[in-house]
Amino acid sequence: MPEDAISRFLNNITLPQLANLKSYWKVFMAALLHRSYDLKKITTRQYQYLWMQMGKAGYRTKEPPEFDIPKEIPSLLKDLIETYRQKYV
């Protein structure tokens, strides 16, 4: 997550904002929390508080399913094999 691209989203972040940003950036909420702390967008106290809130909500082991990132279905290899079969078999 490049600093210049994500920095504006991370000022005084809250747990609901982390959940919303998860789907945009396609990373774990914990990664967003770490990044906001690394970029000094939140204080140590805020970081610890949000980390505890994630723990209480159970998000440290399983993040909210409504914000899960849909799994990609690989298609390139299948398309490549199909093209090969049509052309050479």
PDB file of N, CA and C in Angstrom:
ATOM      1  N   MET A   1       0.840  -1.163   0.000  1.00  0.00           N
ATOM      2  CA  MET A   1       0.000   0.000   0.000  1.00  0.00           C
ATOM      3  C   MET A   1       0.894   1.238   0.000  1.00  0.00           C
ATOM      4  N   PRO A   2       1.056   1.855  -1.132  1.00  0.00           N
ATOM      5  CA  PRO A   2       1.939   3.017  -1.230  1.00  0.00           C
ATOM      6  C   PRO A   2       1.449   4.173  -0.353  1.00  0.00           C
ATOM      7  N   GLU A   3       2.394   4.808   0.311  1.00  0.00           N
ATOM      8  CA  GLU A   3       2.052   5.883   1.242  1.00  0.00           C
ATOM      9  C   GLU A   3       1.228   6.983   0.587  1.00  0.00           C
ATOM     10  N   ASP A   4       1.647   7.432  -0.590  1.00  0.00           N
ATOM     11  CA  ASP A   4       0.930   8.541  -1.227  1.00  0.00           C
ATOM     12  C   ASP A   4      -0.494   8.173  -1.627  1.00  0.00           C
ATOM     13  N   ALA A   5      -0.766   6.914  -1.850  1.00  0.00           N
ATOM     14  CA  ALA A   5      -2.109   6.487  -2.255  1.00  0.00           C
ATOM     15  C   ALA A   5      -3.027   6.219  -1.065  1.00  0.00           C
ATOM     16  N   ILE A   6      -2.478   5.723   0.019  1.00  0.00           N
ATOM     17  CA  ILE A   6      -3.328   5.300   1.141  1.00  0.00           C
ATOM     18  C   ILE A   6      -3.367   6.304   2.289  1.00  0.00           C
ATOM     19  N   SER A   7      -2.404   7.167   2.361  1.00  0.00           N
ATOM     20  CA  SER A   7      -2.239   8.061   3.498  1.00  0.00           C
ATOM     21  C   SER A   7      -3.503   8.836   3.859  1.00  0.00           C
ATOM     22  N   ARG A   8      -4.187   9.367   2.882  1.00  0.00           N
ATOM     23  CA  ARG A   8      -5.366  10.206   3.160  1.00  0.00           C
ATOM     24  C   ARG A   8      -6.522   9.420   3.771  1.00  0.00           C
ATOM     25  N   PHE A   9      -6.543   8.109   3.599  1.00  0.00           N
ATOM     26  CA  PHE A   9      -7.618   7.271   4.140  1.00  0.00           C
ATOM     27  C   PHE A   9      -7.406   6.910   5.611  1.00  0.00           C
ATOM     28  N   LEU A  10      -6.206   7.101   6.121  1.00  0.00           N
ATOM     29  CA  LEU A  10      -5.849   6.524   7.412  1.00  0.00           C
ATOM     30  C   LEU A  10      -5.813   7.488   8.593  1.00  0.00           C
ATOM     31  N   ASN A  11      -6.152   8.729   8.407  1.00  0.00           N
ATOM     32  CA  ASN A  11      -6.137   9.684   9.513  1.00  0.00           C
ATOM     33  C   ASN A  11      -7.215   9.341  10.531  1.00  0.00           C
ATOM     34  N   ASN A  12      -6.803   9.166  11.795  1.00  0.00           N
ATOM     35  CA  ASN A  12      -7.740   8.869  12.891  1.00  0.00           C
ATOM     36  C   ASN A  12      -8.750   7.787  12.507  1.00  0.00           C
ATOM     37  N   ILE A  13      -8.239   6.689  12.049  1.00  0.00           N
ATOM     38  CA  ILE A  13      -9.050   5.569  11.547  1.00  0.00           C
ATOM     39  C   ILE A  13      -9.874   4.935  12.669  1.00  0.00           C
ATOM     40  N   THR A  14     -11.022   4.413  12.305  1.00  0.00           N
ATOM     41  CA  THR A  14     -11.881   3.690  13.243  1.00  0.00           C
ATOM     42  C   THR A  14     -12.061   2.260  12.739  1.00  0.00           C
ATOM     43  N   LEU A  15     -12.604   1.411  13.590  1.00  0.00           N
ATOM     44  CA  LEU A  15     -12.828   0.017  13.208  1.00  0.00           C
ATOM     45  C   LEU A  15     -13.766  -0.101  12.003  1.00  0.00           C
ATOM     46  N   PRO A  16     -14.897   0.621  11.967  1.00  0.00           N
ATOM     47  CA  PRO A  16     -15.758   0.544  10.778  1.00  0.00           C
ATOM     48  C   PRO A  16     -15.057   1.032   9.506  1.00  0.00           C
ATOM     49  N   GLN A  17     -14.196   2.039   9.644  1.00  0.00           N
ATOM     50  CA  GLN A  17     -13.459   2.517   8.474  1.00  0.00           C
ATOM     51  C   GLN A  17     -12.469   1.458   7.987  1.00  0.00           C
ATOM     52  N   LEU A  18     -11.836   0.770   8.920  1.00  0.00           N
ATOM     53  CA  LEU A  18     -10.923  -0.314   8.538  1.00  0.00           C
ATOM     54  C   LEU A  18     -11.673  -1.388   7.756  1.00  0.00           C
ATOM     55  N   ALA A  19     -12.875  -1.714   8.215  1.00  0.00           N
ATOM     56  CA  ALA A  19     -13.680  -2.737   7.541  1.00  0.00           C
ATOM     57  C   ALA A  19     -14.027  -2.300   6.119  1.00  0.00           C
ATOM     58  N   ASN A  20     -14.375  -1.029   5.943  1.00  0.00           N
ATOM     59  CA  ASN A  20     -14.707  -0.535   4.605  1.00  0.00           C
ATOM     60  C   ASN A  20     -13.488  -0.474   3.697  1.00  0.00           C
ATOM     61  N   LEU A  21     -12.356  -0.074   4.261  1.00  0.00           N
ATOM     62  CA  LEU A  21     -11.133   0.007   3.460  1.00  0.00           C
ATOM     63  C   LEU A  21     -10.615  -1.367   3.059  1.00  0.00           C
ATOM     64  N   LYS A  22     -10.959  -2.381   3.831  1.00  0.00           N
ATOM     65  CA  LYS A  22     -10.530  -3.753   3.516  1.00  0.00           C
ATOM     66  C   LYS A  22     -10.970  -4.149   2.113  1.00  0.00           C
ATOM     67  N   SER A  23     -12.218  -3.872   1.780  1.00  0.00           N
ATOM     68  CA  SER A  23     -12.708  -4.269   0.458  1.00  0.00           C
ATOM     69  C   SER A  23     -12.095  -3.414  -0.651  1.00  0.00           C
ATOM     70  N   TYR A  24     -11.761  -2.181  -0.350  1.00  0.00           N
ATOM     71  CA  TYR A  24     -11.163  -1.301  -1.360  1.00  0.00           C
ATOM     72  C   TYR A  24      -9.719  -1.712  -1.661  1.00  0.00           C
ATOM     73  N   TRP A  25      -8.932  -1.932  -0.603  1.00  0.00           N
ATOM     74  CA  TRP A  25      -7.517  -2.252  -0.775  1.00  0.00           C
ATOM     75  C   TRP A  25      -7.250  -3.745  -0.898  1.00  0.00           C
ATOM     76  N   LYS A  26      -8.253  -4.574  -0.569  1.00  0.00           N
ATOM     77  CA  LYS A  26      -8.144  -6.029  -0.675  1.00  0.00           C
ATOM     78  C   LYS A  26      -7.007  -6.590   0.188  1.00  0.00           C
ATOM     79  N   VAL A  27      -6.952  -6.089   1.418  1.00  0.00           N
ATOM     80  CA  VAL A  27      -5.986  -6.575   2.406  1.00  0.00           C
ATOM     81  C   VAL A  27      -6.709  -6.745   3.735  1.00  0.00           C
ATOM     82  N   PHE A  28      -6.084  -7.430   4.669  1.00  0.00           N
ATOM     83  CA  PHE A  28      -6.671  -7.625   5.986  1.00  0.00           C
ATOM     84  C   PHE A  28      -6.772  -6.302   6.738  1.00  0.00           C
ATOM     85  N   MET A  29      -7.765  -6.221   7.620  1.00  0.00           N
ATOM     86  CA  MET A  29      -7.945  -5.039   8.460  1.00  0.00           C
ATOM     87  C   MET A  29      -6.697  -4.807   9.311  1.00  0.00           C
ATOM     88  N   ALA A  30      -6.099  -5.876   9.792  1.00  0.00           N
ATOM     89  CA  ALA A  30      -4.888  -5.759  10.610  1.00  0.00           C
ATOM     90  C   ALA A  30      -3.753  -5.110   9.819  1.00  0.00           C
ATOM     91  N   ALA A  31      -3.650  -5.423   8.538  1.00  0.00           N
ATOM     92  CA  ALA A  31      -2.613  -4.823   7.695  1.00  0.00           C
ATOM     93  C   ALA A  31      -2.847  -3.323   7.555  1.00  0.00           C
ATOM     94  N   LEU A  32      -4.103  -2.931   7.409  1.00  0.00           N
ATOM     95  CA  LEU A  32      -4.430  -1.507   7.321  1.00  0.00           C
ATOM     96  C   LEU A  32      -4.118  -0.796   8.635  1.00  0.00           C
ATOM     97  N   LEU A  33      -4.413  -1.454   9.733  1.00  0.00           N
ATOM     98  CA  LEU A  33      -4.122  -0.878  11.042  1.00  0.00           C
ATOM     99  C   LEU A  33      -2.615  -0.704  11.226  1.00  0.00           C
ATOM    100  N   HIS A  34      -1.848  -1.721  10.873  1.00  0.00           N
ATOM    101  CA  HIS A  34      -0.385  -1.633  10.968  1.00  0.00           C
ATOM    102  C   HIS A  34       0.145  -0.513  10.076  1.00  0.00           C
ATOM    103  N   ARG A  35      -0.404  -0.420   8.882  1.00  0.00           N
ATOM    104  CA  ARG A  35       0.072   0.606   7.941  1.00  0.00           C
ATOM    105  C   ARG A  35      -0.228   2.009   8.464  1.00  0.00           C
ATOM    106  N   SER A  36      -1.405   2.199   9.047  1.00  0.00           N
ATOM    107  CA  SER A  36      -1.737   3.520   9.582  1.00  0.00           C
ATOM    108  C   SER A  36      -0.796   3.889  10.732  1.00  0.00           C
ATOM    109  N   TYR A  37      -0.410   2.910  11.518  1.00  0.00           N
ATOM    110  CA  TYR A  37       0.537   3.154  12.604  1.00  0.00           C
ATOM    111  C   TYR A  37       1.938   3.416  12.051  1.00  0.00           C
ATOM    112  N   ASP A  38       2.357   2.633  11.075  1.00  0.00           N
ATOM    113  CA  ASP A  38       3.677   2.821  10.460  1.00  0.00           C
ATOM    114  C   ASP A  38       3.826   4.209   9.848  1.00  0.00           C
ATOM    115  N   LEU A  39       2.733   4.713   9.280  1.00  0.00           N
ATOM    116  CA  LEU A  39       2.761   6.033   8.644  1.00  0.00           C
ATOM    117  C   LEU A  39       2.497   7.160   9.636  1.00  0.00           C
ATOM    118  N   LYS A  40       2.393   6.807  10.918  1.00  0.00           N
ATOM    119  CA  LYS A  40       2.161   7.768  11.994  1.00  0.00           C
ATOM    120  C   LYS A  40       0.855   8.544  11.816  1.00  0.00           C
ATOM    121  N   LYS A  41      -0.147   7.840  11.312  1.00  0.00           N
ATOM    122  CA  LYS A  41      -1.474   8.433  11.156  1.00  0.00           C
ATOM    123  C   LYS A  41      -2.305   8.269  12.422  1.00  0.00           C
ATOM    124  N   ILE A  42      -1.886   7.341  13.288  1.00  0.00           N
ATOM    125  CA  ILE A  42      -2.533   7.150  14.584  1.00  0.00           C
ATOM    126  C   ILE A  42      -1.447   7.045  15.650  1.00  0.00           C
ATOM    127  N   THR A  43      -1.821   7.339  16.875  1.00  0.00           N
ATOM    128  CA  THR A  43      -0.870   7.259  17.987  1.00  0.00           C
ATOM    129  C   THR A  43      -0.732   5.812  18.452  1.00  0.00           C
ATOM    130  N   THR A  44       0.259   5.582  19.293  1.00  0.00           N
ATOM    131  CA  THR A  44       0.442   4.252  19.879  1.00  0.00           C
ATOM    132  C   THR A  44      -0.797   3.859  20.666  1.00  0.00           C
ATOM    133  N   ARG A  45      -1.357   4.811  21.385  1.00  0.00           N
ATOM    134  CA  ARG A  45      -2.557   4.548  22.186  1.00  0.00           C
ATOM    135  C   ARG A  45      -3.743   4.148  21.290  1.00  0.00           C
ATOM    136  N   GLN A  46      -3.935   4.864  20.179  1.00  0.00           N
ATOM    137  CA  GLN A  46      -5.015   4.523  19.240  1.00  0.00           C
ATOM    138  C   GLN A  46      -4.781   3.144  18.637  1.00  0.00           C
ATOM    139  N   TYR A  47      -3.537   2.868  18.274  1.00  0.00           N
ATOM    140  CA  TYR A  47      -3.179   1.580  17.697  1.00  0.00           C
ATOM    141  C   TYR A  47      -3.526   0.445  18.660  1.00  0.00           C
ATOM    142  N   GLN A  48      -3.122   0.603  19.912  1.00  0.00           N
ATOM    143  CA  GLN A  48      -3.396  -0.425  20.915  1.00  0.00           C
ATOM    144  C   GLN A  48      -4.898  -0.579  21.152  1.00  0.00           C
ATOM    145  N   TYR A  49      -5.600   0.539  21.205  1.00  0.00           N
ATOM    146  CA  TYR A  49      -7.047   0.504  21.424  1.00  0.00           C
ATOM    147  C   TYR A  49      -7.749  -0.231  20.276  1.00  0.00           C
ATOM    148  N   LEU A  50      -7.403   0.124  19.041  1.00  0.00           N
ATOM    149  CA  LEU A  50      -8.039  -0.526  17.887  1.00  0.00           C
ATOM    150  C   LEU A  50      -7.685  -2.009  17.830  1.00  0.00           C
ATOM    151  N   TRP A  51      -6.449  -2.340  18.186  1.00  0.00           N
ATOM    152  CA  TRP A  51      -6.036  -3.743  18.204  1.00  0.00           C
ATOM    153  C   TRP A  51      -6.862  -4.522  19.223  1.00  0.00           C
ATOM    154  N   MET A  52      -7.094  -3.906  20.393  1.00  0.00           N
ATOM    155  CA  MET A  52      -7.925  -4.556  21.419  1.00  0.00           C
ATOM    156  C   MET A  52      -9.373  -4.683  20.944  1.00  0.00           C
ATOM    157  N   GLN A  53      -9.881  -3.665  20.272  1.00  0.00           N
ATOM    158  CA  GLN A  53     -11.246  -3.715  19.754  1.00  0.00           C
ATOM    159  C   GLN A  53     -11.394  -4.821  18.710  1.00  0.00           C
ATOM    160  N   MET A  54     -10.385  -4.979  17.874  1.00  0.00           N
ATOM    161  CA  MET A  54     -10.412  -6.066  16.890  1.00  0.00           C
ATOM    162  C   MET A  54     -10.435  -7.414  17.599  1.00  0.00           C
ATOM    163  N   GLY A  55      -9.681  -7.526  18.684  1.00  0.00           N
ATOM    164  CA  GLY A  55      -9.661  -8.766  19.456  1.00  0.00           C
ATOM    165  C   GLY A  55     -11.005  -9.055  20.096  1.00  0.00           C
ATOM    166  N   LYS A  56     -11.610  -8.043  20.703  1.00  0.00           N
ATOM    167  CA  LYS A  56     -12.916  -8.216  21.348  1.00  0.00           C
ATOM    168  C   LYS A  56     -13.988  -8.609  20.345  1.00  0.00           C
ATOM    169  N   ALA A  57     -13.898  -8.058  19.148  1.00  0.00           N
ATOM    170  CA  ALA A  57     -14.879  -8.361  18.105  1.00  0.00           C
ATOM    171  C   ALA A  57     -14.588  -9.696  17.417  1.00  0.00           C
ATOM    172  N   GLY A  58     -13.428 -10.287  17.719  1.00  0.00           N
ATOM    173  CA  GLY A  58     -13.059 -11.553  17.097  1.00  0.00           C
ATOM    174  C   GLY A  58     -12.431 -11.390  15.727  1.00  0.00           C
ATOM    175  N   TYR A  59     -12.084 -10.156  15.354  1.00  0.00           N
ATOM    176  CA  TYR A  59     -11.548  -9.885  14.019  1.00  0.00           C
ATOM    177  C   TYR A  59     -10.074 -10.234  13.883  1.00  0.00           C
ATOM    178  N   ARG A  60      -9.400 -10.525  14.991  1.00  0.00           N
ATOM    179  CA  ARG A  60      -7.990 -10.895  14.889  1.00  0.00           C
ATOM    180  C   ARG A  60      -7.841 -12.304  14.352  1.00  0.00           C
ATOM    181  N   THR A  61      -8.856 -13.135  14.570  1.00  0.00           N
ATOM    182  CA  THR A  61      -8.799 -14.510  14.066  1.00  0.00           C
ATOM    183  C   THR A  61      -9.695 -14.707  12.853  1.00  0.00           C
ATOM    184  N   LYS A  62     -10.799 -13.988  12.794  1.00  0.00           N
ATOM    185  CA  LYS A  62     -11.731 -14.106  11.658  1.00  0.00           C
ATOM    186  C   LYS A  62     -12.380 -12.748  11.444  1.00  0.00           C
ATOM    187  N   GLU A  63     -12.053 -12.124  10.332  1.00  0.00           N
ATOM    188  CA  GLU A  63     -12.612 -10.807  10.045  1.00  0.00           C
ATOM    189  C   GLU A  63     -14.065 -10.945   9.599  1.00  0.00           C
ATOM    190  N   PRO A  64     -14.844  -9.856   9.673  1.00  0.00           N
ATOM    191  CA  PRO A  64     -16.275  -9.947   9.364  1.00  0.00           C
ATOM    192  C   PRO A  64     -16.527 -10.494   7.960  1.00  0.00           C
ATOM    193  N   PRO A  65     -17.383 -11.502   7.850  1.00  0.00           N
ATOM    194  CA  PRO A  65     -17.614 -12.133   6.545  1.00  0.00           C
ATOM    195  C   PRO A  65     -18.232 -11.192   5.516  1.00  0.00           C
ATOM    196  N   GLU A  66     -18.979 -10.191   5.968  1.00  0.00           N
ATOM    197  CA  GLU A  66     -19.600  -9.278   5.003  1.00  0.00           C
ATOM    198  C   GLU A  66     -18.568  -8.427   4.263  1.00  0.00           C
ATOM    199  N   PHE A  67     -17.334  -8.411   4.781  1.00  0.00           N
ATOM    200  CA  PHE A  67     -16.276  -7.660   4.117  1.00  0.00           C
ATOM    201  C   PHE A  67     -15.238  -8.573   3.477  1.00  0.00           C
ATOM    202  N   ASP A  68     -15.539  -9.865   3.387  1.00  0.00           N
ATOM    203  CA  ASP A  68     -14.604 -10.793   2.756  1.00  0.00           C
ATOM    204  C   ASP A  68     -14.377 -10.407   1.301  1.00  0.00           C
ATOM    205  N   ILE A  69     -13.174 -10.616   0.877  1.00  0.00           N
ATOM    206  CA  ILE A  69     -12.807 -10.336  -0.509  1.00  0.00           C
ATOM    207  C   ILE A  69     -13.149 -11.571  -1.328  1.00  0.00           C
ATOM    208  N   PRO A  70     -13.954 -11.408  -2.385  1.00  0.00           N
ATOM    209  CA  PRO A  70     -14.315 -12.580  -3.184  1.00  0.00           C
ATOM    210  C   PRO A  70     -13.074 -13.241  -3.790  1.00  0.00           C
ATOM    211  N   LYS A  71     -13.063 -14.550  -3.763  1.00  0.00           N
ATOM    212  CA  LYS A  71     -11.937 -15.288  -4.329  1.00  0.00           C
ATOM    213  C   LYS A  71     -11.989 -15.203  -5.846  1.00  0.00           C
ATOM    214  N   GLU A  72     -10.817 -15.015  -6.409  1.00  0.00           N
ATOM    215  CA  GLU A  72     -10.722 -14.967  -7.862  1.00  0.00           C
ATOM    216  C   GLU A  72     -10.713 -16.388  -8.409  1.00  0.00           C
ATOM    217  N   ILE A  73     -11.377 -16.573  -9.511  1.00  0.00           N
ATOM    218  CA  ILE A  73     -11.388 -17.872 -10.174  1.00  0.00           C
ATOM    219  C   ILE A  73     -10.402 -17.789 -11.333  1.00  0.00           C
ATOM    220  N   PRO A  74      -9.313 -18.555 -11.253  1.00  0.00           N
ATOM    221  CA  PRO A  74      -8.320 -18.484 -12.317  1.00  0.00           C
ATOM    222  C   PRO A  74      -8.895 -18.969 -13.644  1.00  0.00           C
ATOM    223  N   SER A  75      -8.588 -18.250 -14.693  1.00  0.00           N
ATOM    224  CA  SER A  75      -9.129 -18.634 -15.993  1.00  0.00           C
ATOM    225  C   SER A  75      -8.064 -18.651 -17.088  1.00  0.00           C
ATOM    226  N   LEU A  76      -6.938 -18.022 -16.861  1.00  0.00           N
ATOM    227  CA  LEU A  76      -5.927 -17.906 -17.897  1.00  0.00           C
ATOM    228  C   LEU A  76      -5.413 -19.264 -18.361  1.00  0.00           C
ATOM    229  N   LEU A  77      -5.060 -20.142 -17.427  1.00  0.00           N
ATOM    230  CA  LEU A  77      -4.545 -21.457 -17.799  1.00  0.00           C
ATOM    231  C   LEU A  77      -5.598 -22.253 -18.561  1.00  0.00           C
ATOM    232  N   LYS A  78      -6.832 -22.215 -18.081  1.00  0.00           N
ATOM    233  CA  LYS A  78      -7.920 -22.924 -18.755  1.00  0.00           C
ATOM    234  C   LYS A  78      -8.100 -22.396 -20.183  1.00  0.00           C
ATOM    235  N   ASP A  79      -8.069 -21.086 -20.347  1.00  0.00           N
ATOM    236  CA  ASP A  79      -8.203 -20.486 -21.677  1.00  0.00           C
ATOM    237  C   ASP A  79      -7.032 -20.865 -22.576  1.00  0.00           C
ATOM    238  N   LEU A  80      -5.843 -20.904 -22.011  1.00  0.00           N
ATOM    239  CA  LEU A  80      -4.652 -21.264 -22.772  1.00  0.00           C
ATOM    240  C   LEU A  80      -4.741 -22.701 -23.282  1.00  0.00           C
ATOM    241  N   ILE A  81      -5.140 -23.610 -22.406  1.00  0.00           N
ATOM    242  CA  ILE A  81      -5.285 -25.019 -22.795  1.00  0.00           C
ATOM    243  C   ILE A  81      -6.363 -25.170 -23.857  1.00  0.00           C
ATOM    244  N   GLU A  82      -7.474 -24.494 -23.691  1.00  0.00           N
ATOM    245  CA  GLU A  82      -8.566 -24.572 -24.668  1.00  0.00           C
ATOM    246  C   GLU A  82      -8.128 -24.045 -26.030  1.00  0.00           C
ATOM    247  N   THR A  83      -7.402 -22.951 -26.042  1.00  0.00           N
ATOM    248  CA  THR A  83      -6.900 -22.393 -27.300  1.00  0.00           C
ATOM    249  C   THR A  83      -5.926 -23.361 -27.959  1.00  0.00           C
ATOM    250  N   TYR A  84      -5.049 -23.969 -27.169  1.00  0.00           N
ATOM    251  CA  TYR A  84      -4.097 -24.942 -27.688  1.00  0.00           C
ATOM    252  C   TYR A  84      -4.830 -26.123 -28.318  1.00  0.00           C
ATOM    253  N   ARG A  85      -5.833 -26.634 -27.610  1.00  0.00           N
ATOM    254  CA  ARG A  85      -6.595 -27.781 -28.125  1.00  0.00           C
ATOM    255  C   ARG A  85      -7.285 -27.445 -29.441  1.00  0.00           C
ATOM    256  N   GLN A  86      -7.863 -26.283 -29.518  1.00  0.00           N
ATOM    257  CA  GLN A  86      -8.572 -25.888 -30.734  1.00  0.00           C
ATOM    258  C   GLN A  86      -7.616 -25.704 -31.905  1.00  0.00           C
ATOM    259  N   LYS A  87      -6.428 -25.235 -31.600  1.00  0.00           N
ATOM    260  CA  LYS A  87      -5.492 -24.923 -32.663  1.00  0.00           C
ATOM    261  C   LYS A  87      -4.651 -26.124 -33.095  1.00  0.00           C
ATOM    262  N   TYR A  88      -4.260 -26.976 -32.152  1.00  0.00           N
ATOM    263  CA  TYR A  88      -3.289 -28.024 -32.457  1.00  0.00           C
ATOM    264  C   TYR A  88      -3.786 -29.452 -32.285  1.00  0.00           C
ATOM    265  N   VAL A  89      -4.923 -29.652 -31.717  1.00  0.00           N
ATOM    266  CA  VAL A  89      -5.375 -31.024 -31.480  1.00  0.00           C
ATOM    267  C   VAL A  89      -6.512 -31.361 -32.409  1.00  0.00           C
TER     268      VAL A  89
END
